[in-house]
């Protein structure tokens, strides 16, 4: 199950990054898909985090739960979007998104080793 979940995170992350770049370039058409993919990633990482905690990977599991909650909050803090304006909230959003991908990979490794 963990293998399928990490593959979903990887695929959704690529889609979300591409949509984020398109949004930043000024195309509002992809906002709903970007938000949806972000919620999907947060949900899958939350499930991976619970699996990790159950497999005794408590620290990455707790970090995953926190990031899964934080990603949509920081994402919505950007609304209304100011396209081509890359401020502190956008930088934090990108950092949280990259961190959640890294934590998902760490959780997958911990689950496989357990």
PDB file of N, CA and C in Angstrom:
ATOM      1  N   UNK A   1       0.814  -1.194   0.000  1.00  0.00           N
ATOM      2  CA  UNK A   1       0.000   0.000   0.000  1.00  0.00           C
ATOM      3  C   UNK A   1       0.861   1.263   0.000  1.00  0.00           C
ATOM      4  N   UNK A   2       1.969   1.233   0.740  1.00  0.00           N
ATOM      5  CA  UNK A   2       2.841   2.407   0.805  1.00  0.00           C
ATOM      6  C   UNK A   2       3.433   2.726  -0.567  1.00  0.00           C
ATOM      7  N   UNK A   3       3.749   1.701  -1.341  1.00  0.00           N
ATOM      8  CA  UNK A   3       4.314   1.910  -2.679  1.00  0.00           C
ATOM      9  C   UNK A   3       3.330   2.673  -3.563  1.00  0.00           C
ATOM     10  N   UNK A   4       2.073   2.271  -3.522  1.00  0.00           N
ATOM     11  CA  UNK A   4       1.049   2.960  -4.314  1.00  0.00           C
ATOM     12  C   UNK A   4       0.881   4.404  -3.845  1.00  0.00           C
ATOM     13  N   UNK A   5       0.910   4.618  -2.541  1.00  0.00           N
ATOM     14  CA  UNK A   5       0.733   5.962  -2.012  1.00  0.00           C
ATOM     15  C   UNK A   5       1.876   6.888  -2.414  1.00  0.00           C
ATOM     16  N   UNK A   6       3.109   6.405  -2.339  1.00  0.00           N
ATOM     17  CA  UNK A   6       4.236   7.274  -2.699  1.00  0.00           C
ATOM     18  C   UNK A   6       4.230   7.569  -4.192  1.00  0.00           C
ATOM     19  N   UNK A   7       3.805   6.607  -4.992  1.00  0.00           N
ATOM     20  CA  UNK A   7       3.716   6.864  -6.436  1.00  0.00           C
ATOM     21  C   UNK A   7       2.641   7.924  -6.728  1.00  0.00           C
ATOM     22  N   UNK A   8       1.541   7.876  -5.985  1.00  0.00           N
ATOM     23  CA  UNK A   8       0.508   8.904  -6.133  1.00  0.00           C
ATOM     24  C   UNK A   8       1.038  10.274  -5.734  1.00  0.00           C
ATOM     25  N   UNK A   9       1.807  10.332  -4.656  1.00  0.00           N
ATOM     26  CA  UNK A   9       2.395  11.612  -4.226  1.00  0.00           C
ATOM     27  C   UNK A   9       3.332  12.139  -5.312  1.00  0.00           C
ATOM     28  N   UNK A  10       4.168  11.274  -5.850  1.00  0.00           N
ATOM     29  CA  UNK A  10       5.119  11.698  -6.885  1.00  0.00           C
ATOM     30  C   UNK A  10       4.394  12.250  -8.115  1.00  0.00           C
ATOM     31  N   UNK A  11       3.381  11.527  -8.571  1.00  0.00           N
ATOM     32  CA  UNK A  11       2.638  11.960  -9.750  1.00  0.00           C
ATOM     33  C   UNK A  11       1.905  13.271  -9.482  1.00  0.00           C
ATOM     34  N   UNK A  12       1.212  13.339  -8.363  1.00  0.00           N
ATOM     35  CA  UNK A  12       0.466  14.556  -8.031  1.00  0.00           C
ATOM     36  C   UNK A  12       1.393  15.741  -7.810  1.00  0.00           C
ATOM     37  N   UNK A  13       2.587  15.491  -7.276  1.00  0.00           N
ATOM     38  CA  UNK A  13       3.543  16.582  -7.053  1.00  0.00           C
ATOM     39  C   UNK A  13       4.008  17.176  -8.375  1.00  0.00           C
ATOM     40  N   UNK A  14       4.296  16.324  -9.336  1.00  0.00           N
ATOM     41  CA  UNK A  14       4.711  16.831 -10.649  1.00  0.00           C
ATOM     42  C   UNK A  14       3.585  17.648 -11.275  1.00  0.00           C
ATOM     43  N   UNK A  15       2.364  17.116 -11.222  1.00  0.00           N
ATOM     44  CA  UNK A  15       1.210  17.828 -11.771  1.00  0.00           C
ATOM     45  C   UNK A  15       1.025  19.167 -11.062  1.00  0.00           C
ATOM     46  N   UNK A  16       1.113  19.160  -9.743  1.00  0.00           N
ATOM     47  CA  UNK A  16       0.911  20.373  -8.971  1.00  0.00           C
ATOM     48  C   UNK A  16       1.985  21.423  -9.254  1.00  0.00           C
ATOM     49  N   UNK A  17       3.225  20.980  -9.402  1.00  0.00           N
ATOM     50  CA  UNK A  17       4.308  21.926  -9.711  1.00  0.00           C
ATOM     51  C   UNK A  17       4.095  22.555 -11.080  1.00  0.00           C
ATOM     52  N   UNK A  18       3.731  21.744 -12.062  1.00  0.00           N
ATOM     53  CA  UNK A  18       3.469  22.277 -13.410  1.00  0.00           C
ATOM     54  C   UNK A  18       2.305  23.263 -13.364  1.00  0.00           C
ATOM     55  N   UNK A  19       1.233  22.895 -12.665  1.00  0.00           N
ATOM     56  CA  UNK A  19       0.087  23.806 -12.551  1.00  0.00           C
ATOM     57  C   UNK A  19       0.462  25.084 -11.811  1.00  0.00           C
ATOM     58  N   UNK A  20       1.303  24.975 -10.786  1.00  0.00           N
ATOM     59  CA  UNK A  20       1.752  26.156 -10.056  1.00  0.00           C
ATOM     60  C   UNK A  20       2.544  27.109 -10.929  1.00  0.00           C
ATOM     61  N   UNK A  21       3.393  26.561 -11.772  1.00  0.00           N
ATOM     62  CA  UNK A  21       4.158  27.407 -12.703  1.00  0.00           C
ATOM     63  C   UNK A  21       3.217  28.078 -13.696  1.00  0.00           C
ATOM     64  N   UNK A  22       2.235  27.334 -14.176  1.00  0.00           N
ATOM     65  CA  UNK A  22       1.259  27.927 -15.094  1.00  0.00           C
ATOM     66  C   UNK A  22       0.463  29.032 -14.415  1.00  0.00           C
ATOM     67  N   UNK A  23       0.107  28.821 -13.162  1.00  0.00           N
ATOM     68  CA  UNK A  23      -0.593  29.863 -12.409  1.00  0.00           C
ATOM     69  C   UNK A  23       0.275  31.096 -12.237  1.00  0.00           C
ATOM     70  N   UNK A  24       1.518  30.862 -11.890  1.00  0.00           N
ATOM     71  CA  UNK A  24       2.432  31.982 -11.679  1.00  0.00           C
ATOM     72  C   UNK A  24       2.631  32.789 -12.965  1.00  0.00           C
ATOM     73  N   UNK A  25       2.539  32.106 -14.106  1.00  0.00           N
ATOM     74  CA  UNK A  25       2.706  32.806 -15.380  1.00  0.00           C
ATOM     75  C   UNK A  25       1.459  33.598 -15.770  1.00  0.00           C
ATOM     76  N   UNK A  26       0.379  33.466 -14.976  1.00  0.00           N
ATOM     77  CA  UNK A  26      -0.780  34.322 -15.194  1.00  0.00           C
ATOM     78  C   UNK A  26      -2.037  33.625 -15.663  1.00  0.00           C
ATOM     79  N   UNK A  27      -2.052  32.325 -15.793  1.00  0.00           N
ATOM     80  CA  UNK A  27      -3.226  31.617 -16.275  1.00  0.00           C
ATOM     81  C   UNK A  27      -4.073  31.137 -15.099  1.00  0.00           C
ATOM     82  N   UNK A  28      -5.231  31.763 -14.905  1.00  0.00           N
ATOM     83  CA  UNK A  28      -6.100  31.411 -13.789  1.00  0.00           C
ATOM     84  C   UNK A  28      -6.884  30.128 -14.049  1.00  0.00           C
ATOM     85  N   UNK A  29      -6.843  29.598 -15.256  1.00  0.00           N
ATOM     86  CA  UNK A  29      -7.637  28.428 -15.607  1.00  0.00           C
ATOM     87  C   UNK A  29      -7.274  27.198 -14.785  1.00  0.00           C
ATOM     88  N   UNK A  30      -6.093  27.159 -14.227  1.00  0.00           N
ATOM     89  CA  UNK A  30      -5.604  25.961 -13.553  1.00  0.00           C
ATOM     90  C   UNK A  30      -5.673  26.043 -12.033  1.00  0.00           C
ATOM     91  N   UNK A  31      -6.302  27.086 -11.513  1.00  0.00           N
ATOM     92  CA  UNK A  31      -6.333  27.275 -10.063  1.00  0.00           C
ATOM     93  C   UNK A  31      -7.054  26.126  -9.356  1.00  0.00           C
ATOM     94  N   UNK A  32      -8.219  25.745  -9.849  1.00  0.00           N
ATOM     95  CA  UNK A  32      -8.981  24.667  -9.221  1.00  0.00           C
ATOM     96  C   UNK A  32      -8.224  23.345  -9.233  1.00  0.00           C
ATOM     97  N   UNK A  33      -7.595  23.034 -10.358  1.00  0.00           N
ATOM     98  CA  UNK A  33      -6.823  21.792 -10.454  1.00  0.00           C
ATOM     99  C   UNK A  33      -5.617  21.830  -9.520  1.00  0.00           C
ATOM    100  N   UNK A  34      -4.974  22.990  -9.402  1.00  0.00           N
ATOM    101  CA  UNK A  34      -3.819  23.125  -8.510  1.00  0.00           C
ATOM    102  C   UNK A  34      -4.242  22.947  -7.049  1.00  0.00           C
ATOM    103  N   UNK A  35      -5.346  23.561  -6.677  1.00  0.00           N
ATOM    104  CA  UNK A  35      -5.848  23.409  -5.307  1.00  0.00           C
ATOM    105  C   UNK A  35      -6.231  21.955  -5.049  1.00  0.00           C
ATOM    106  N   UNK A  36      -6.899  21.337  -6.005  1.00  0.00           N
ATOM    107  CA  UNK A  36      -7.293  19.938  -5.859  1.00  0.00           C
ATOM    108  C   UNK A  36      -6.106  19.008  -5.710  1.00  0.00           C
ATOM    109  N   UNK A  37      -5.076  19.229  -6.521  1.00  0.00           N
ATOM    110  CA  UNK A  37      -3.888  18.374  -6.420  1.00  0.00           C
ATOM    111  C   UNK A  37      -3.167  18.596  -5.090  1.00  0.00           C
ATOM    112  N   UNK A  38      -3.194  19.823  -4.590  1.00  0.00           N
ATOM    113  CA  UNK A  38      -2.587  20.097  -3.286  1.00  0.00           C
ATOM    114  C   UNK A  38      -3.317  19.388  -2.154  1.00  0.00           C
ATOM    115  N   UNK A  39      -4.645  19.425  -2.188  1.00  0.00           N
ATOM    116  CA  UNK A  39      -5.421  18.697  -1.183  1.00  0.00           C
ATOM    117  C   UNK A  39      -5.193  17.195  -1.304  1.00  0.00           C
ATOM    118  N   UNK A  40      -5.090  16.708  -2.525  1.00  0.00           N
ATOM    119  CA  UNK A  40      -4.837  15.277  -2.743  1.00  0.00           C
ATOM    120  C   UNK A  40      -3.497  14.876  -2.130  1.00  0.00           C
ATOM    121  N   UNK A  41      -2.468  15.669  -2.392  1.00  0.00           N
ATOM    122  CA  UNK A  41      -1.142  15.390  -1.831  1.00  0.00           C
ATOM    123  C   UNK A  41      -1.210  15.409  -0.307  1.00  0.00           C
ATOM    124  N   UNK A  42      -1.857  16.417   0.247  1.00  0.00           N
ATOM    125  CA  UNK A  42      -1.962  16.511   1.702  1.00  0.00           C
ATOM    126  C   UNK A  42      -2.673  15.290   2.282  1.00  0.00           C
ATOM    127  N   UNK A  43      -3.727  14.837   1.630  1.00  0.00           N
ATOM    128  CA  UNK A  43      -4.458  13.666   2.111  1.00  0.00           C
ATOM    129  C   UNK A  43      -3.643  12.388   2.044  1.00  0.00           C
ATOM    130  N   UNK A  44      -2.931  12.200   0.932  1.00  0.00           N
ATOM    131  CA  UNK A  44      -2.114  10.993   0.787  1.00  0.00           C
ATOM    132  C   UNK A  44      -0.956  11.009   1.781  1.00  0.00           C
ATOM    133  N   UNK A  45      -0.339  12.158   1.975  1.00  0.00           N
ATOM    134  CA  UNK A  45       0.757  12.246   2.947  1.00  0.00           C
ATOM    135  C   UNK A  45       0.227  12.030   4.360  1.00  0.00           C
ATOM    136  N   UNK A  46      -0.984  12.472   4.644  1.00  0.00           N
ATOM    137  CA  UNK A  46      -1.585  12.207   5.950  1.00  0.00           C
ATOM    138  C   UNK A  46      -1.725  10.697   6.170  1.00  0.00           C
ATOM    139  N   UNK A  47      -2.207   9.985   5.163  1.00  0.00           N
ATOM    140  CA  UNK A  47      -2.345   8.522   5.276  1.00  0.00           C
ATOM    141  C   UNK A  47      -0.972   7.872   5.441  1.00  0.00           C
ATOM    142  N   UNK A  48       0.011   8.310   4.650  1.00  0.00           N
ATOM    143  CA  UNK A  48       1.372   7.793   4.808  1.00  0.00           C
ATOM    144  C   UNK A  48       1.908   8.071   6.211  1.00  0.00           C
ATOM    145  N   UNK A  49       1.584   9.228   6.744  1.00  0.00           N
ATOM    146  CA  UNK A  49       2.040   9.593   8.089  1.00  0.00           C
ATOM    147  C   UNK A  49       1.454   8.667   9.143  1.00  0.00           C
ATOM    148  N   UNK A  50       0.185   8.360   9.024  1.00  0.00           N
ATOM    149  CA  UNK A  50      -0.454   7.443   9.964  1.00  0.00           C
ATOM    150  C   UNK A  50       0.180   6.062   9.849  1.00  0.00           C
ATOM    151  N   UNK A  51       0.411   5.602   8.620  1.00  0.00           N
ATOM    152  CA  UNK A  51       1.097   4.316   8.425  1.00  0.00           C
ATOM    153  C   UNK A  51       2.488   4.349   9.049  1.00  0.00           C
ATOM    154  N   UNK A  52       3.192   5.461   8.864  1.00  0.00           N
ATOM    155  CA  UNK A  52       4.527   5.598   9.437  1.00  0.00           C
ATOM    156  C   UNK A  52       4.507   5.552  10.948  1.00  0.00           C
ATOM    157  N   UNK A  53       3.554   6.235  11.547  1.00  0.00           N
ATOM    158  CA  UNK A  53       3.441   6.224  13.010  1.00  0.00           C
ATOM    159  C   UNK A  53       3.155   4.806  13.495  1.00  0.00           C
ATOM    160  N   UNK A  54       2.291   4.100  12.793  1.00  0.00           N
ATOM    161  CA  UNK A  54       1.981   2.722  13.167  1.00  0.00           C
ATOM    162  C   UNK A  54       3.189   1.799  13.017  1.00  0.00           C
ATOM    163  N   UNK A  55       4.103   2.149  12.113  1.00  0.00           N
ATOM    164  CA  UNK A  55       5.322   1.354  11.900  1.00  0.00           C
ATOM    165  C   UNK A  55       6.500   1.891  12.710  1.00  0.00           C
ATOM    166  N   UNK A  56       6.221   2.699  13.702  1.00  0.00           N
ATOM    167  CA  UNK A  56       7.220   3.229  14.645  1.00  0.00           C
ATOM    168  C   UNK A  56       8.104   4.327  14.066  1.00  0.00           C
ATOM    169  N   UNK A  57       7.708   4.938  12.959  1.00  0.00           N
ATOM    170  CA  UNK A  57       8.410   6.102  12.422  1.00  0.00           C
ATOM    171  C   UNK A  57       7.653   7.342  12.906  1.00  0.00           C
ATOM    172  N   UNK A  58       7.743   7.593  14.209  1.00  0.00           N
ATOM    173  CA  UNK A  58       6.895   8.599  14.850  1.00  0.00           C
ATOM    174  C   UNK A  58       7.256  10.014  14.423  1.00  0.00           C
ATOM    175  N   UNK A  59       8.534  10.357  14.429  1.00  0.00           N
ATOM    176  CA  UNK A  59       8.932  11.742  14.123  1.00  0.00           C
ATOM    177  C   UNK A  59       8.545  12.128  12.695  1.00  0.00           C
ATOM    178  N   UNK A  60       8.939  11.358  11.658  1.00  0.00           N
ATOM    179  CA  UNK A  60       8.487  11.764  10.322  1.00  0.00           C
ATOM    180  C   UNK A  60       6.970  11.692  10.175  1.00  0.00           C
ATOM    181  N   UNK A  61       6.330  10.799  10.915  1.00  0.00           N
ATOM    182  CA  UNK A  61       4.878  10.714  10.865  1.00  0.00           C
ATOM    183  C   UNK A  61       4.211  11.968  11.395  1.00  0.00           C
ATOM    184  N   UNK A  62       4.694  12.448  12.519  1.00  0.00           N
ATOM    185  CA  UNK A  62       4.134  13.674  13.102  1.00  0.00           C
ATOM    186  C   UNK A  62       4.435  14.875  12.205  1.00  0.00           C
ATOM    187  N   UNK A  63       5.646  14.944  11.673  1.00  0.00           N
ATOM    188  CA  UNK A  63       5.991  16.040  10.754  1.00  0.00           C
ATOM    189  C   UNK A  63       5.086  15.983   9.518  1.00  0.00           C
ATOM    190  N   UNK A  64       4.820  14.786   9.022  1.00  0.00           N
ATOM    191  CA  UNK A  64       3.928  14.629   7.877  1.00  0.00           C
ATOM    192  C   UNK A  64       2.523  15.114   8.161  1.00  0.00           C
ATOM    193  N   UNK A  65       2.004  14.793   9.334  1.00  0.00           N
ATOM    194  CA  UNK A  65       0.662  15.256   9.713  1.00  0.00           C
ATOM    195  C   UNK A  65       0.630  16.785   9.782  1.00  0.00           C
ATOM    196  N   UNK A  66       1.665  17.373  10.367  1.00  0.00           N
ATOM    197  CA  UNK A  66       1.725  18.841  10.476  1.00  0.00           C
ATOM    198  C   UNK A  66       1.791  19.478   9.091  1.00  0.00           C
ATOM    199  N   UNK A  67       2.650  18.951   8.230  1.00  0.00           N
ATOM    200  CA  UNK A  67       2.767  19.518   6.881  1.00  0.00           C
ATOM    201  C   UNK A  67       1.502  19.302   6.061  1.00  0.00           C
ATOM    202  N   UNK A  68       0.837  18.158   6.255  1.00  0.00           N
ATOM    203  CA  UNK A  68      -0.410  17.895   5.541  1.00  0.00           C
ATOM    204  C   UNK A  68      -1.481  18.910   5.936  1.00  0.00           C
ATOM    205  N   UNK A  69      -1.471  19.345   7.177  1.00  0.00           N
ATOM    206  CA  UNK A  69      -2.406  20.380   7.609  1.00  0.00           C
ATOM    207  C   UNK A  69      -1.966  21.765   7.157  1.00  0.00           C
ATOM    208  N   UNK A  70      -0.670  21.986   7.117  1.00  0.00           N
ATOM    209  CA  UNK A  70      -0.118  23.304   6.806  1.00  0.00           C
ATOM    210  C   UNK A  70      -0.193  23.645   5.309  1.00  0.00           C
ATOM    211  N   UNK A  71      -0.043  22.656   4.443  1.00  0.00           N
ATOM    212  CA  UNK A  71       0.003  22.927   2.996  1.00  0.00           C
ATOM    213  C   UNK A  71      -1.242  23.666   2.498  1.00  0.00           C
ATOM    214  N   UNK A  72      -2.457  23.180   2.760  1.00  0.00           N
ATOM    215  CA  UNK A  72      -3.611  23.936   2.265  1.00  0.00           C
ATOM    216  C   UNK A  72      -3.795  25.291   2.949  1.00  0.00           C
ATOM    217  N   UNK A  73      -3.426  25.385   4.223  1.00  0.00           N
ATOM    218  CA  UNK A  73      -3.560  26.662   4.933  1.00  0.00           C
ATOM    219  C   UNK A  73      -2.672  27.717   4.278  1.00  0.00           C
ATOM    220  N   UNK A  74      -1.428  27.367   4.040  1.00  0.00           N
ATOM    221  CA  UNK A  74      -0.504  28.321   3.411  1.00  0.00           C
ATOM    222  C   UNK A  74      -0.944  28.599   1.975  1.00  0.00           C
ATOM    223  N   UNK A  75      -1.449  27.579   1.302  1.00  0.00           N
ATOM    224  CA  UNK A  75      -1.937  27.782  -0.060  1.00  0.00           C
ATOM    225  C   UNK A  75      -3.067  28.793  -0.117  1.00  0.00           C
ATOM    226  N   UNK A  76      -4.018  28.668   0.791  1.00  0.00           N
ATOM    227  CA  UNK A  76      -5.150  29.596   0.782  1.00  0.00           C
ATOM    228  C   UNK A  76      -4.773  30.991   1.264  1.00  0.00           C
ATOM    229  N   UNK A  77      -3.682  31.130   1.982  1.00  0.00           N
ATOM    230  CA  UNK A  77      -3.216  32.454   2.410  1.00  0.00           C
ATOM    231  C   UNK A  77      -2.791  33.309   1.219  1.00  0.00           C
ATOM    232  N   UNK A  78      -2.567  32.672   0.065  1.00  0.00           N
ATOM    233  CA  UNK A  78      -2.146  33.408  -1.127  1.00  0.00           C
ATOM    234  C   UNK A  78      -3.310  34.090  -1.842  1.00  0.00           C
ATOM    235  N   UNK A  79      -4.534  33.700  -1.514  1.00  0.00           N
ATOM    236  CA  UNK A  79      -5.696  34.240  -2.216  1.00  0.00           C
ATOM    237  C   UNK A  79      -6.045  35.615  -1.680  1.00  0.00           C
ATOM    238  N   UNK A  80      -6.451  36.576  -2.469  1.00  0.00           N
ATOM    239  CA  UNK A  80      -6.501  36.518  -3.917  1.00  0.00           C
ATOM    240  C   UNK A  80      -5.087  36.570  -4.505  1.00  0.00           C
ATOM    241  N   UNK A  81      -4.916  35.832  -5.571  1.00  0.00           N
ATOM    242  CA  UNK A  81      -3.584  35.720  -6.171  1.00  0.00           C
ATOM    243  C   UNK A  81      -3.170  37.005  -6.851  1.00  0.00           C
ATOM    244  N   UNK A  82      -1.928  37.370  -6.658  1.00  0.00           N
ATOM    245  CA  UNK A  82      -1.319  38.479  -7.379  1.00  0.00           C
ATOM    246  C   UNK A  82      -0.281  37.853  -8.306  1.00  0.00           C
ATOM    247  N   UNK A  83      -0.677  37.624  -9.539  1.00  0.00           N
ATOM    248  CA  UNK A  83       0.187  36.903 -10.468  1.00  0.00           C
ATOM    249  C   UNK A  83       1.481  37.664 -10.722  1.00  0.00           C
ATOM    250  N   UNK A  84       2.517  36.914 -10.856  1.00  0.00           N
ATOM    251  CA  UNK A  84       3.874  37.405 -11.100  1.00  0.00           C
ATOM    252  C   UNK A  84       4.461  38.156  -9.917  1.00  0.00           C
ATOM    253  N   UNK A  85       3.728  38.237  -8.831  1.00  0.00           N
ATOM    254  CA  UNK A  85       4.269  38.829  -7.612  1.00  0.00           C
ATOM    255  C   UNK A  85       4.644  37.664  -6.703  1.00  0.00           C
ATOM    256  N   UNK A  86       5.916  37.468  -6.501  1.00  0.00           N
ATOM    257  CA  UNK A  86       6.369  36.328  -5.714  1.00  0.00           C
ATOM    258  C   UNK A  86       6.788  36.839  -4.356  1.00  0.00           C
ATOM    259  N   UNK A  87       5.864  36.815  -3.400  1.00  0.00           N
ATOM    260  CA  UNK A  87       6.125  37.334  -2.070  1.00  0.00           C
ATOM    261  C   UNK A  87       6.458  36.243  -1.076  1.00  0.00           C
ATOM    262  N   UNK A  88       6.467  36.618   0.182  1.00  0.00           N
ATOM    263  CA  UNK A  88       6.853  35.695   1.251  1.00  0.00           C
ATOM    264  C   UNK A  88       5.902  34.501   1.340  1.00  0.00           C
ATOM    265  N   UNK A  89       4.601  34.729   1.164  1.00  0.00           N
ATOM    266  CA  UNK A  89       3.643  33.627   1.274  1.00  0.00           C
ATOM    267  C   UNK A  89       3.877  32.607   0.165  1.00  0.00           C
ATOM    268  N   UNK A  90       4.172  33.067  -1.034  1.00  0.00           N
ATOM    269  CA  UNK A  90       4.434  32.147  -2.140  1.00  0.00           C
ATOM    270  C   UNK A  90       5.704  31.342  -1.889  1.00  0.00           C
ATOM    271  N   UNK A  91       6.718  31.987  -1.358  1.00  0.00           N
ATOM    272  CA  UNK A  91       7.967  31.274  -1.060  1.00  0.00           C
ATOM    273  C   UNK A  91       7.725  30.229   0.024  1.00  0.00           C
ATOM    274  N   UNK A  92       6.982  30.596   1.055  1.00  0.00           N
ATOM    275  CA  UNK A  92       6.668  29.633   2.114  1.00  0.00           C
ATOM    276  C   UNK A  92       5.859  28.468   1.550  1.00  0.00           C
ATOM    277  N   UNK A  93       4.909  28.765   0.654  1.00  0.00           N
ATOM    278  CA  UNK A  93       4.090  27.713   0.042  1.00  0.00           C
ATOM    279  C   UNK A  93       4.964  26.732  -0.743  1.00  0.00           C
ATOM    280  N   UNK A  94       5.888  27.243  -1.509  1.00  0.00           N
ATOM    281  CA  UNK A  94       6.789  26.370  -2.276  1.00  0.00           C
ATOM    282  C   UNK A  94       7.654  25.535  -1.328  1.00  0.00           C
ATOM    283  N   UNK A  95       8.165  26.155  -0.276  1.00  0.00           N
ATOM    284  CA  UNK A  95       9.006  25.422   0.681  1.00  0.00           C
ATOM    285  C   UNK A  95       8.220  24.325   1.401  1.00  0.00           C
ATOM    286  N   UNK A  96       6.985  24.626   1.800  1.00  0.00           N
ATOM    287  CA  UNK A  96       6.155  23.613   2.455  1.00  0.00           C
ATOM    288  C   UNK A  96       5.842  22.480   1.474  1.00  0.00           C
ATOM    289  N   UNK A  97       5.569  22.824   0.219  1.00  0.00           N
ATOM    290  CA  UNK A  97       5.279  21.803  -0.786  1.00  0.00           C
ATOM    291  C   UNK A  97       6.487  20.893  -1.009  1.00  0.00           C
ATOM    292  N   UNK A  98       7.663  21.467  -1.110  1.00  0.00           N
ATOM    293  CA  UNK A  98       8.865  20.647  -1.292  1.00  0.00           C
ATOM    294  C   UNK A  98       9.152  19.816  -0.044  1.00  0.00           C
ATOM    295  N   UNK A  99       8.903  20.402   1.131  1.00  0.00           N
ATOM    296  CA  UNK A  99       9.123  19.663   2.379  1.00  0.00           C
ATOM    297  C   UNK A  99       8.171  18.478   2.497  1.00  0.00           C
ATOM    298  N   UNK A 100       6.924  18.657   2.096  1.00  0.00           N
ATOM    299  CA  UNK A 100       5.962  17.570   2.222  1.00  0.00           C
ATOM    300  C   UNK A 100       6.321  16.414   1.284  1.00  0.00           C
ATOM    301  N   UNK A 101       6.890  16.739   0.126  1.00  0.00           N
ATOM    302  CA  UNK A 101       7.342  15.681  -0.788  1.00  0.00           C
ATOM    303  C   UNK A 101       8.509  14.926  -0.158  1.00  0.00           C
ATOM    304  N   UNK A 102       9.442  15.653   0.421  1.00  0.00           N
ATOM    305  CA  UNK A 102      10.577  15.009   1.086  1.00  0.00           C
ATOM    306  C   UNK A 102      10.162  14.146   2.260  1.00  0.00           C
ATOM    307  N   UNK A 103       9.212  14.622   3.053  1.00  0.00           N
ATOM    308  CA  UNK A 103       8.722  13.847   4.192  1.00  0.00           C
ATOM    309  C   UNK A 103       7.999  12.594   3.705  1.00  0.00           C
ATOM    310  N   UNK A 104       7.253  12.715   2.613  1.00  0.00           N
ATOM    311  CA  UNK A 104       6.573  11.540   2.056  1.00  0.00           C
ATOM    312  C   UNK A 104       7.588  10.482   1.636  1.00  0.00           C
ATOM    313  N   UNK A 105       8.674  10.912   1.008  1.00  0.00           N
ATOM    314  CA  UNK A 105       9.723   9.969   0.610  1.00  0.00           C
ATOM    315  C   UNK A 105      10.367   9.326   1.840  1.00  0.00           C
ATOM    316  N   UNK A 106      10.599  10.126   2.866  1.00  0.00           N
ATOM    317  CA  UNK A 106      11.183   9.611   4.104  1.00  0.00           C
ATOM    318  C   UNK A 106      10.246   8.600   4.769  1.00  0.00           C
ATOM    319  N   UNK A 107       8.981   8.911   4.794  1.00  0.00           N
ATOM    320  CA  UNK A 107       8.007   7.989   5.379  1.00  0.00           C
ATOM    321  C   UNK A 107       7.951   6.681   4.596  1.00  0.00           C
ATOM    322  N   UNK A 108       7.991   6.777   3.292  1.00  0.00           N
ATOM    323  CA  UNK A 108       7.966   5.565   2.473  1.00  0.00           C
ATOM    324  C   UNK A 108       9.176   4.687   2.803  1.00  0.00           C
ATOM    325  N   UNK A 109      10.344   5.291   2.905  1.00  0.00           N
ATOM    326  CA  UNK A 109      11.539   4.538   3.250  1.00  0.00           C
ATOM    327  C   UNK A 109      11.433   3.891   4.622  1.00  0.00           C
ATOM    328  N   UNK A 110      10.906   4.629   5.582  1.00  0.00           N
ATOM    329  CA  UNK A 110      10.749   4.095   6.946  1.00  0.00           C
ATOM    330  C   UNK A 110       9.743   2.953   6.977  1.00  0.00           C
ATOM    331  N   UNK A 111       8.669   3.084   6.229  1.00  0.00           N
ATOM    332  CA  UNK A 111       7.656   2.027   6.187  1.00  0.00           C
ATOM    333  C   UNK A 111       8.235   0.775   5.542  1.00  0.00           C
ATOM    334  N   UNK A 112       8.990   0.952   4.472  1.00  0.00           N
ATOM    335  CA  UNK A 112       9.599  -0.214   3.791  1.00  0.00           C
ATOM    336  C   UNK A 112      10.587  -0.937   4.700  1.00  0.00           C
ATOM    337  N   UNK A 113      11.355  -0.187   5.486  1.00  0.00           N
ATOM    338  CA  UNK A 113      12.346  -0.805   6.358  1.00  0.00           C
ATOM    339  C   UNK A 113      11.741  -1.513   7.564  1.00  0.00           C
ATOM    340  N   UNK A 114      10.519  -1.103   7.942  1.00  0.00           N
ATOM    341  CA  UNK A 114       9.884  -1.678   9.147  1.00  0.00           C
ATOM    342  C   UNK A 114       9.337  -3.066   8.904  1.00  0.00           C
TER     343      UNK A 114
END
